Amino acid sequence: MSAWAELVSGLVFGVAMVVVACNYRDVAWRIHGYMSNTIGANRLLTPTTMRFVCGALATVSVVSVAFGLAGSE
């Protein structure tokens, strides 16, 4: 994958994780409901856990994109 495609995919992933972390349109609750109905992980995968994990993934992804941009020039 080219460098720009990798940066764009990292940025898109980071934005998607920020959307979950900020609970935009109750997406954390929707993921929690889906997971609890399909695999029964309702106590392990709470909406707060989803928001925390996605926030951490968003931070790592955005920092990775920032370092990729800084290193590409």
C-alpha atoms as a PDB file:
ATOM      1  CA  MET A   1       0.000   0.000   0.000  1.00  0.00           C
ATOM      2  CA  SER A   2       1.333   3.437  -0.828  1.00  0.00           C
ATOM      3  CA  ALA A   3       2.255   5.878   1.892  1.00  0.00           C
ATOM      4  CA  TRP A   4      -0.661   8.213   1.205  1.00  0.00           C
ATOM      5  CA  ALA A   5      -3.196   5.381   1.161  1.00  0.00           C
ATOM      6  CA  GLU A   6      -1.864   4.178   4.491  1.00  0.00           C
ATOM      7  CA  LEU A   7      -2.165   7.666   5.978  1.00  0.00           C
ATOM      8  CA  VAL A   8      -5.699   8.122   4.671  1.00  0.00           C
ATOM      9  CA  SER A   9      -6.830   4.738   5.952  1.00  0.00           C
ATOM     10  CA  GLY A  10      -5.324   5.522   9.364  1.00  0.00           C
ATOM     11  CA  LEU A  11      -7.090   8.861   9.441  1.00  0.00           C
ATOM     12  CA  VAL A  12     -10.436   7.324   8.444  1.00  0.00           C
ATOM     13  CA  PHE A  13     -10.036   4.658  11.128  1.00  0.00           C
ATOM     14  CA  GLY A  14      -9.159   7.346  13.686  1.00  0.00           C
ATOM     15  CA  VAL A  15     -12.230   9.387  12.797  1.00  0.00           C
ATOM     16  CA  ALA A  16     -14.448   6.307  13.063  1.00  0.00           C
ATOM     17  CA  MET A  17     -13.039   5.546  16.498  1.00  0.00           C
ATOM     18  CA  VAL A  18     -13.600   9.157  17.617  1.00  0.00           C
ATOM     19  CA  VAL A  19     -17.226   8.834  16.513  1.00  0.00           C
ATOM     20  CA  VAL A  20     -17.636   5.789  18.753  1.00  0.00           C
ATOM     21  CA  ALA A  21     -15.683   7.365  21.624  1.00  0.00           C
ATOM     22  CA  CYS A  22     -17.880  10.473  21.566  1.00  0.00           C
ATOM     23  CA  ASN A  23     -20.985   8.269  21.291  1.00  0.00           C
ATOM     24  CA  TYR A  24     -22.288  10.132  18.259  1.00  0.00           C
ATOM     25  CA  ARG A  25     -25.842   8.963  17.495  1.00  0.00           C
ATOM     26  CA  ASP A  26     -25.590   6.360  20.290  1.00  0.00           C
ATOM     27  CA  VAL A  27     -23.223   4.234  18.252  1.00  0.00           C
ATOM     28  CA  ALA A  28     -21.550   2.778  21.373  1.00  0.00           C
ATOM     29  CA  TRP A  29     -24.945   1.612  22.598  1.00  0.00           C
ATOM     30  CA  ARG A  30     -25.725   0.121  19.189  1.00  0.00           C
ATOM     31  CA  ILE A  31     -22.473  -1.854  19.144  1.00  0.00           C
ATOM     32  CA  HIS A  32     -23.132  -2.994  22.723  1.00  0.00           C
ATOM     33  CA  GLY A  33     -26.654  -4.134  21.790  1.00  0.00           C
ATOM     34  CA  TYR A  34     -25.459  -5.980  18.717  1.00  0.00           C
ATOM     35  CA  MET A  35     -22.674  -7.757  20.581  1.00  0.00           C
ATOM     36  CA  SER A  36     -24.874  -8.696  23.546  1.00  0.00           C
ATOM     37  CA  ASN A  37     -27.545 -10.156  21.263  1.00  0.00           C
ATOM     38  CA  THR A  38     -25.165 -12.123  19.031  1.00  0.00           C
ATOM     39  CA  ILE A  39     -22.387 -13.416  21.267  1.00  0.00           C
ATOM     40  CA  GLY A  40     -23.734 -12.612  24.732  1.00  0.00           C
ATOM     41  CA  ALA A  41     -20.953 -10.240  25.784  1.00  0.00           C
ATOM     42  CA  ASN A  42     -23.238  -7.758  27.506  1.00  0.00           C
ATOM     43  CA  ARG A  43     -21.326  -7.581  30.804  1.00  0.00           C
ATOM     44  CA  LEU A  44     -17.882  -7.494  29.253  1.00  0.00           C
ATOM     45  CA  LEU A  45     -18.610  -5.066  26.430  1.00  0.00           C
ATOM     46  CA  THR A  46     -20.473  -2.195  28.068  1.00  0.00           C
ATOM     47  CA  PRO A  47     -20.936   1.099  26.196  1.00  0.00           C
ATOM     48  CA  THR A  48     -18.396   2.711  28.536  1.00  0.00           C
ATOM     49  CA  THR A  49     -15.864   0.010  27.708  1.00  0.00           C
ATOM     50  CA  MET A  50     -16.544   0.509  24.001  1.00  0.00           C
ATOM     51  CA  ARG A  51     -16.034   4.260  24.307  1.00  0.00           C
ATOM     52  CA  PHE A  52     -12.804   3.871  26.287  1.00  0.00           C
ATOM     53  CA  VAL A  53     -11.274   1.290  23.936  1.00  0.00           C
ATOM     54  CA  CYS A  54     -12.280   3.235  20.821  1.00  0.00           C
ATOM     55  CA  GLY A  55     -10.894   6.432  22.348  1.00  0.00           C
ATOM     56  CA  ALA A  56      -7.557   4.719  22.941  1.00  0.00           C
ATOM     57  CA  LEU A  57      -7.543   3.310  19.398  1.00  0.00           C
ATOM     58  CA  ALA A  58      -8.396   6.751  17.993  1.00  0.00           C
ATOM     59  CA  THR A  59      -5.522   8.331  19.898  1.00  0.00           C
ATOM     60  CA  VAL A  60      -3.047   5.727  18.670  1.00  0.00           C
ATOM     61  CA  SER A  61      -4.313   6.004  15.096  1.00  0.00           C
ATOM     62  CA  VAL A  62      -4.175   9.805  14.947  1.00  0.00           C
ATOM     63  CA  VAL A  63      -0.705   9.888  16.530  1.00  0.00           C
ATOM     64  CA  SER A  64       0.446   7.277  14.012  1.00  0.00           C
ATOM     65  CA  VAL A  65      -0.897   9.405  11.153  1.00  0.00           C
ATOM     66  CA  ALA A  66       0.819  12.486  12.590  1.00  0.00           C
ATOM     67  CA  PHE A  67       4.150  10.693  12.816  1.00  0.00           C
ATOM     68  CA  GLY A  68       3.639   9.319   9.316  1.00  0.00           C
ATOM     69  CA  LEU A  69       3.081  12.817   7.970  1.00  0.00           C
ATOM     70  CA  ALA A  70       6.102  14.153   9.848  1.00  0.00           C
ATOM     71  CA  GLY A  71       8.304  11.353   8.553  1.00  0.00           C
ATOM     72  CA  SER A  72       7.164  11.542   4.936  1.00  0.00           C
ATOM     73  CA  GLU A  73       8.740  14.919   4.225  1.00  0.00           C
END
